[in-house]
Protein backbone atom coordinates (compact mmCIF):
# COMPACT_ATOMS: atom_id res chain seq x y z
CA MET A 1 -74.54 -20.38 -23.33
CA SER A 2 -71.52 -18.11 -23.23
CA SER A 3 -71.25 -15.10 -25.48
CA CYS A 4 -68.98 -14.60 -28.39
CA CYS A 5 -65.68 -16.07 -28.05
CA GLY A 6 -65.39 -15.79 -24.29
CA ARG A 7 -61.91 -14.62 -23.64
CA ASN A 8 -60.21 -12.42 -21.79
CA TRP A 9 -58.45 -10.03 -24.41
CA LEU A 10 -61.72 -7.59 -24.77
CA PRO A 11 -61.15 -4.52 -23.38
CA ARG A 12 -61.92 -3.51 -19.79
CA PRO A 13 -63.84 -0.44 -19.01
CA ASP A 14 -60.53 0.77 -17.01
CA ARG A 15 -58.75 1.11 -20.52
CA PHE A 16 -61.15 3.84 -21.87
CA ARG A 17 -61.17 7.41 -20.48
CA LYS A 18 -63.88 8.21 -18.19
CA THR A 19 -67.13 8.31 -20.53
CA CYS A 20 -67.87 11.58 -21.65
CA GLN A 21 -71.76 12.41 -21.32
CA VAL A 22 -71.62 14.37 -24.61
CA CYS A 23 -71.14 11.22 -26.73
CA LEU A 24 -74.20 9.52 -25.41
CA PRO A 25 -77.71 10.21 -26.44
CA PRO A 26 -79.81 12.07 -23.92
CA SER A 27 -81.77 9.99 -21.26
CA GLY A 28 -85.26 8.72 -22.36
CA GLY A 29 -86.65 10.11 -18.96
CA ASP A 30 -88.04 7.93 -16.04
CA MET A 31 -89.52 5.52 -18.22
CA LYS A 32 -88.91 1.63 -17.11
CA ILE A 33 -87.46 -0.84 -19.28
CA ARG A 34 -87.34 -4.29 -18.39
CA ILE A 35 -84.43 -6.25 -19.90
CA ALA A 36 -83.24 -9.60 -19.87
CA CYS A 37 -80.24 -11.42 -21.58
CA PHE A 38 -79.77 -14.84 -23.24
CA GLY A 39 -76.19 -16.10 -22.32
CA ALA A 40 -73.69 -15.48 -19.71
CA GLY A 41 -70.56 -15.50 -20.91
CA TYR A 42 -68.03 -12.23 -20.95
CA ILE A 43 -69.41 -9.99 -23.31
CA ALA A 44 -73.32 -10.39 -21.77
CA GLY A 45 -71.27 -9.21 -18.22
CA ARG A 46 -70.12 -6.39 -20.01
CA HIS A 47 -73.42 -5.46 -21.39
CA LEU A 48 -75.04 -5.98 -18.46
CA ALA A 49 -72.86 -3.99 -16.25
CA ALA A 50 -73.56 -1.01 -18.77
CA LEU A 51 -77.31 -1.51 -18.47
CA ALA A 52 -77.48 -2.10 -14.64
CA ALA A 53 -75.99 1.51 -14.70
CA LEU A 54 -78.10 3.08 -16.87
CA PRO A 55 -81.59 4.97 -15.58
CA GLY A 56 -85.05 3.70 -16.33
CA VAL A 57 -83.19 -0.12 -16.82
CA GLU A 58 -84.42 -2.82 -14.94
CA ILE A 59 -82.53 -6.53 -15.29
CA VAL A 60 -85.08 -9.07 -14.84
CA GLY A 61 -83.08 -12.59 -15.85
CA VAL A 62 -80.24 -13.95 -17.40
CA ALA A 63 -80.49 -17.20 -18.95
CA ASP A 64 -77.58 -19.86 -19.70
CA VAL A 65 -77.07 -23.61 -20.03
CA GLN A 66 -74.65 -23.32 -17.28
CA VAL A 67 -76.93 -21.81 -14.65
CA GLU A 68 -74.21 -20.87 -12.41
CA ARG A 69 -73.07 -18.41 -14.62
CA ALA A 70 -76.37 -16.86 -14.87
CA GLN A 71 -76.94 -16.77 -11.09
CA LEU A 72 -73.63 -14.96 -10.56
CA TYR A 73 -74.95 -12.13 -13.32
CA ALA A 74 -78.17 -12.06 -11.76
CA ASP A 75 -76.77 -11.91 -8.06
CA ARG A 76 -74.59 -8.85 -9.42
CA PHE A 77 -76.90 -7.00 -11.72
CA GLY A 78 -80.40 -8.13 -10.73
CA GLY A 79 -83.04 -10.35 -11.90
CA ARG A 80 -83.75 -14.11 -11.42
CA PRO A 81 -81.28 -16.99 -13.41
CA TYR A 82 -82.54 -19.25 -15.95
CA ALA A 83 -81.21 -22.48 -17.30
CA ASP A 84 -83.68 -21.92 -20.62
CA TRP A 85 -84.00 -18.63 -22.52
CA ARG A 86 -87.38 -20.11 -23.40
CA VAL A 87 -88.50 -20.24 -19.75
CA LEU A 88 -87.22 -16.99 -19.06
CA LEU A 89 -89.26 -15.32 -21.81
CA ALA A 90 -92.32 -16.47 -20.78
CA ALA A 91 -91.98 -15.78 -17.00
CA GLU A 92 -90.70 -12.70 -17.41
CA ARG A 93 -91.94 -10.85 -20.72
CA PRO A 94 -89.34 -8.43 -20.91
CA ASP A 95 -89.33 -5.10 -22.89
CA ALA A 96 -86.41 -6.10 -24.52
CA VAL A 97 -83.71 -8.66 -24.76
CA TYR A 98 -80.07 -9.06 -25.37
CA VAL A 99 -79.03 -11.89 -27.07
CA CYS A 100 -75.24 -12.84 -26.53
CA VAL A 101 -75.15 -16.46 -27.43
CA PRO A 102 -72.17 -18.27 -29.45
CA PRO A 103 -73.02 -18.38 -33.32
CA PHE A 104 -74.24 -21.53 -33.37
CA ALA A 105 -76.97 -20.78 -30.98
CA HIS A 106 -78.20 -17.95 -33.31
CA GLY A 107 -81.78 -18.42 -35.12
CA GLU A 108 -84.27 -19.58 -32.66
CA PRO A 109 -84.21 -16.97 -30.01
CA GLU A 110 -84.33 -13.95 -32.54
CA GLN A 111 -87.08 -15.66 -34.33
CA ALA A 112 -89.34 -16.24 -30.72
CA LEU A 113 -88.53 -12.29 -30.06
CA ILE A 114 -89.79 -11.51 -33.28
CA GLU A 115 -92.72 -13.28 -33.35
CA GLN A 116 -93.60 -11.58 -29.79
CA GLY A 117 -92.60 -8.34 -30.87
CA THR A 118 -89.75 -7.77 -28.68
CA PRO A 119 -86.95 -5.58 -29.79
CA PHE A 120 -83.38 -7.28 -29.17
CA PHE A 121 -80.09 -6.21 -29.43
CA VAL A 122 -77.78 -9.31 -30.49
CA GLU A 123 -74.09 -9.96 -30.36
CA LYS A 124 -72.09 -10.41 -33.74
CA PRO A 125 -71.63 -12.79 -35.74
CA LEU A 126 -75.24 -12.89 -36.77
CA SER A 127 -74.80 -16.82 -37.34
CA THR A 128 -72.13 -19.01 -38.98
CA GLY A 129 -73.96 -19.41 -42.29
CA PRO A 130 -75.41 -17.21 -44.71
CA GLU A 131 -79.06 -18.12 -44.92
CA LEU A 132 -80.38 -17.88 -41.32
CA PRO A 133 -79.72 -14.39 -41.07
CA GLU A 134 -81.31 -13.45 -44.20
CA GLN A 135 -84.66 -15.00 -42.56
CA ILE A 136 -84.22 -13.16 -39.32
CA GLY A 137 -83.25 -9.96 -41.13
CA ALA A 138 -86.64 -10.48 -43.48
CA GLN A 139 -88.82 -11.15 -40.48
CA ALA A 140 -87.46 -8.39 -38.48
CA ALA A 141 -87.90 -5.77 -41.24
CA GLU A 142 -91.61 -6.86 -41.59
CA ARG A 143 -92.48 -6.37 -38.17
CA ASN A 144 -90.65 -3.43 -38.20
CA LEU A 145 -88.85 -4.47 -35.29
CA LEU A 146 -86.47 -2.17 -33.25
CA THR A 147 -82.67 -4.26 -33.38
CA SER A 148 -79.41 -3.18 -32.84
CA VAL A 149 -76.25 -5.44 -33.25
CA GLY A 150 -72.84 -5.23 -31.44
CA TYR A 151 -70.47 -3.89 -33.78
CA HIS A 152 -68.79 -1.72 -31.54
CA TRP A 153 -66.25 -0.44 -33.24
CA ARG A 154 -68.61 2.10 -34.66
CA TYR A 155 -69.22 3.70 -31.51
CA LEU A 156 -65.89 5.00 -31.13
CA ASP A 157 -65.38 8.72 -31.62
CA THR A 158 -61.74 7.95 -33.06
CA ILE A 159 -63.63 5.65 -35.83
CA GLU A 160 -66.05 9.05 -36.24
CA ARG A 161 -62.87 10.85 -36.91
CA ALA A 162 -61.44 8.69 -39.35
CA HIS A 163 -64.47 8.37 -40.89
CA GLU A 164 -64.41 11.98 -41.41
CA ILE A 165 -60.81 12.30 -42.77
CA ALA A 166 -61.21 9.14 -44.97
CA ARG A 167 -64.27 11.42 -46.58
CA GLN A 168 -62.17 14.25 -47.44
CA ASN A 169 -59.06 12.04 -48.29
CA PRO A 170 -60.31 9.10 -49.84
CA PRO A 171 -57.89 6.09 -49.24
CA ARG A 172 -56.85 3.87 -52.14
CA LEU A 173 -55.46 1.14 -49.71
CA ALA A 174 -56.69 -0.42 -46.85
CA LEU A 175 -54.79 -3.08 -45.11
CA GLY A 176 -57.19 -4.98 -42.35
CA TYR A 177 -55.56 -7.80 -39.91
CA TRP A 178 -57.03 -10.00 -36.84
CA LEU A 179 -53.58 -12.17 -36.09
CA ASP A 180 -54.26 -13.41 -32.78
CA PHE A 181 -54.67 -16.52 -30.62
CA VAL A 182 -57.33 -19.12 -30.20
CA PRO A 183 -59.85 -18.22 -27.63
CA PRO A 184 -60.72 -21.06 -24.83
CA PRO A 185 -64.14 -22.29 -26.10
CA SER A 186 -63.70 -25.49 -27.55
CA TRP A 187 -66.65 -24.80 -29.72
CA TRP A 188 -64.42 -22.03 -31.56
CA LEU A 189 -62.25 -24.62 -33.33
CA GLN A 190 -65.20 -26.16 -35.07
CA ARG A 191 -66.52 -24.27 -38.27
CA GLN A 192 -70.00 -25.43 -37.69
CA ALA A 193 -70.05 -24.13 -34.26
CA SER A 194 -68.08 -20.44 -34.72
CA GLY A 195 -67.98 -20.21 -38.35
CA GLY A 196 -64.15 -19.42 -38.22
CA GLN A 197 -62.12 -16.84 -37.17
CA MET A 198 -63.13 -14.69 -40.31
CA VAL A 199 -67.04 -15.10 -39.26
CA GLU A 200 -66.25 -14.71 -35.40
CA GLN A 201 -63.56 -12.07 -34.83
CA THR A 202 -62.22 -10.34 -38.34
CA THR A 203 -66.17 -9.78 -39.04
CA HIS A 204 -65.36 -6.45 -37.22
CA ILE A 205 -62.36 -5.15 -39.90
CA PHE A 206 -64.81 -6.28 -42.40
CA ASP A 207 -67.56 -4.04 -41.02
CA LEU A 208 -65.05 -1.21 -40.36
CA VAL A 209 -63.53 -1.40 -44.06
CA ARG A 210 -67.33 -0.94 -45.07
CA TYR A 211 -67.94 2.15 -42.93
CA LEU A 212 -64.66 3.83 -44.10
CA LEU A 213 -64.43 3.02 -47.64
CA GLY A 214 -68.22 1.96 -48.55
CA GLU A 215 -69.52 -1.15 -50.16
CA PRO A 216 -66.43 -3.34 -52.21
CA VAL A 217 -67.96 -4.70 -55.59
CA ARG A 218 -65.31 -8.10 -55.56
CA VAL A 219 -63.79 -10.26 -53.55
CA PHE A 220 -61.03 -13.08 -53.94
CA GLY A 221 -60.60 -15.03 -50.94
CA ALA A 222 -57.83 -17.78 -49.87
CA ALA A 223 -57.37 -19.92 -46.78
CA CYS A 224 -54.92 -21.77 -45.34
CA ARG A 225 -56.82 -25.07 -43.60
CA GLY A 226 -54.10 -26.50 -42.01
CA GLY A 227 -51.53 -25.27 -39.18
CA LEU A 228 -53.31 -25.77 -36.04
CA GLN A 229 -51.11 -28.95 -35.05
CA ARG A 230 -51.84 -27.89 -31.46
CA PHE A 231 -55.42 -28.54 -31.85
CA PRO A 232 -55.89 -31.55 -33.45
CA GLU A 233 -59.64 -31.30 -33.36
CA ALA A 234 -60.14 -28.02 -34.98
CA ASP A 235 -61.28 -27.82 -38.70
CA ILE A 236 -61.05 -24.21 -38.80
CA ASP A 237 -58.83 -22.00 -41.08
CA ALA A 238 -55.89 -21.03 -39.56
CA ALA A 239 -54.74 -18.14 -41.67
CA SER A 240 -57.16 -16.17 -44.41
CA ALA A 241 -56.64 -13.57 -46.86
CA THR A 242 -59.18 -11.66 -48.95
CA THR A 243 -58.66 -8.99 -51.55
CA LEU A 244 -61.44 -6.38 -52.04
CA GLN A 245 -62.08 -4.21 -54.61
CA PHE A 246 -64.25 -0.75 -54.72
CA PRO A 247 -66.03 1.07 -57.13
CA ASN A 248 -63.49 4.13 -57.09
CA GLY A 249 -60.65 1.63 -58.05
CA ALA A 250 -59.28 1.55 -54.51
CA VAL A 251 -58.15 -2.03 -53.15
CA GLY A 252 -58.08 -3.74 -49.75
CA VAL A 253 -56.70 -6.89 -48.02
CA ILE A 254 -58.04 -8.03 -44.85
CA ALA A 255 -56.20 -11.25 -43.09
CA SER A 256 -57.01 -13.33 -40.27
CA ALA A 257 -54.56 -15.71 -38.42
CA CYS A 258 -55.38 -17.63 -35.09
CA LEU A 259 -51.88 -18.93 -34.83
CA LEU A 260 -49.94 -16.70 -32.48
CA HIS A 261 -49.93 -16.98 -28.42
CA TYR A 262 -50.81 -13.06 -28.35
CA SER A 263 -52.83 -10.77 -29.80
CA HIS A 264 -50.38 -9.41 -32.68
CA ARG A 265 -52.24 -6.82 -34.73
CA ILE A 266 -55.64 -6.00 -34.97
CA GLY A 267 -57.32 -2.91 -36.73
CA LEU A 268 -57.33 -1.54 -40.13
CA TRP A 269 -54.57 0.73 -41.89
CA LEU A 270 -55.75 3.27 -44.66
CA TYR A 271 -53.52 4.79 -47.26
CA ALA A 272 -54.37 7.87 -48.92
CA GLU A 273 -52.48 10.37 -50.58
CA HIS A 274 -49.61 11.89 -47.96
CA LEU A 275 -51.83 9.98 -45.33
CA VAL A 276 -51.74 7.11 -43.39
CA LEU A 277 -54.94 6.26 -40.81
CA GLU A 278 -54.08 3.46 -38.20
CA CYS A 279 -57.36 2.48 -36.58
CA ARG A 280 -57.29 0.40 -33.67
CA GLU A 281 -59.86 -0.46 -31.10
CA LEU A 282 -57.91 1.72 -28.59
CA ALA A 283 -56.11 4.23 -30.46
CA LEU A 284 -56.32 6.26 -33.89
CA THR A 285 -52.91 7.34 -35.53
CA ILE A 286 -52.85 9.71 -37.84
CA GLU A 287 -49.45 10.32 -40.18
CA SER A 288 -48.80 12.90 -42.51
CA PRO A 289 -46.15 15.13 -43.60
CA GLN A 290 -46.99 17.73 -40.68
CA GLY A 291 -46.17 15.00 -38.32
CA ASN A 292 -48.02 11.76 -36.28
CA GLU A 293 -51.12 12.15 -33.82
CA THR A 294 -52.72 9.50 -31.72
CA PHE A 295 -55.93 9.98 -30.28
CA ALA A 296 -57.62 7.40 -27.49
CA PRO A 297 -61.57 6.87 -27.63
CA THR A 298 -62.97 9.12 -24.91
CA ALA A 299 -65.93 6.56 -24.09
CA ASP A 300 -66.18 3.23 -23.92
CA PRO A 301 -67.93 1.93 -26.90
CA TYR A 302 -70.03 -0.79 -25.24
CA VAL A 303 -71.32 1.71 -22.96
CA LEU A 304 -72.29 3.92 -25.78
CA GLU A 305 -73.91 1.21 -27.81
CA ASP A 306 -75.87 0.12 -24.81
CA ARG A 307 -77.34 3.48 -23.68
CA ALA A 308 -78.47 4.19 -27.63
CA PHE A 309 -80.08 0.57 -27.60
CA VAL A 310 -82.32 2.20 -24.14
CA HIS A 311 -82.42 5.51 -26.08
CA ALA A 312 -84.42 4.00 -28.68
CA LEU A 313 -86.62 2.03 -26.55
CA GLN A 314 -87.37 4.78 -23.98
CA THR A 315 -88.13 7.63 -26.86
CA GLY A 316 -88.62 5.89 -30.02
CA ASP A 317 -85.70 7.78 -31.60
CA ARG A 318 -83.79 5.00 -33.91
CA SER A 319 -81.60 7.53 -35.15
CA VAL A 320 -78.72 6.54 -32.45
CA ILE A 321 -78.42 2.91 -33.24
CA ARG A 322 -75.43 3.27 -35.59
CA VAL A 323 -75.73 -1.02 -36.71
CA PRO A 324 -79.59 -1.97 -36.57
CA TYR A 325 -79.63 -5.74 -37.84
CA ALA A 326 -79.98 -4.61 -41.44
CA GLU A 327 -76.72 -3.03 -41.51
CA ALA A 328 -75.26 -5.93 -39.96
CA LEU A 329 -76.36 -8.23 -42.22
CA ARG A 330 -74.69 -6.27 -44.79
CA THR A 331 -71.51 -6.99 -43.36
CA HIS A 332 -72.42 -10.60 -42.72
CA ARG A 333 -73.29 -10.78 -46.37
CA LEU A 334 -69.81 -9.36 -47.34
CA VAL A 335 -68.06 -11.97 -45.02
CA MET A 336 -70.01 -14.84 -46.55
CA ARG A 337 -68.86 -13.86 -49.99
CA ALA A 338 -65.45 -14.09 -48.78
CA MET A 339 -65.65 -17.31 -47.34
CA ALA A 340 -67.33 -18.34 -50.46
CA SER A 341 -64.48 -17.00 -52.61
CA ALA A 342 -62.13 -19.13 -50.58
CA GLU A 343 -63.79 -21.97 -50.84
CA GLN A 344 -64.41 -21.65 -54.67
CA GLY A 345 -60.87 -20.48 -55.65
CA GLU A 346 -62.04 -17.69 -57.64
CA PRO A 347 -63.20 -14.00 -57.32
CA LEU A 348 -66.76 -13.33 -56.59
CA TYR A 349 -69.04 -10.17 -57.11
CA VAL A 350 -70.66 -9.10 -53.87
């Protein structure tokens, strides 16, 4: 159960400046939190590294169907390796769990944790389709369970800066992109397993446009089903584009493509009067008549989101969690409507 797309282009910790302690929520004190992880892919390793460095955290187990991967992380960060997350859950009874499994593996782990009342952090996407996350969201809300979802761009201080600027200067046009290459895992090419690029990767851009512009009221999607000739087994879209309409009249277009041999363009460009905001993961560029300014993030967003989750566990203060499950579900619904619009060939209200 390797996590997310398991690729190596994801930002390394050393690509961010030294984490600014001011940006982090305060420690919850000496309260010990026992955390387990389902999945032992790349993104699980990012979270485990951040968690292992936090005071009061003990890693008690890592589960993956490729148990040798779980063994590597257990040796490095602590805990025991397991081939089955169910065995881990019964044996270790952790205080919280990180669910870092591929899109097709969501559902049973979250439902088991909800049944036990165990808080969880889950990596995006929530699933490959629309129904399962709605069920999980309703069940988690009914139990008032502490949750968090890995839309880590929300924790970037550069995105906070963009949010404040956009609030004062409402953008009228948004252009979002995830133009990239096909990641290594074979399951990524199968719609049933990954949901496709819009679900598995571009969901970050859909989440960002919601955060910076608000909720769209209508979407119109189109997709190219062919084009990946190097991967005859693929049944995902090679490219797609979604037009969005916002209540204030603003419009947006979010484009996806996995046709390339490198990460060509990933981010969101916002256009207001005499203003351009170029929002990328590793930089924010502001263009105005006074000139251009570029800002780099001051902290690793993975560290920030993990410390926020641990802080909430230790103190009960959920205000530091920027994307609980209910908020992530709103982004997932938007992506599902965009997918449905492309399938049906007509605009849909959100």
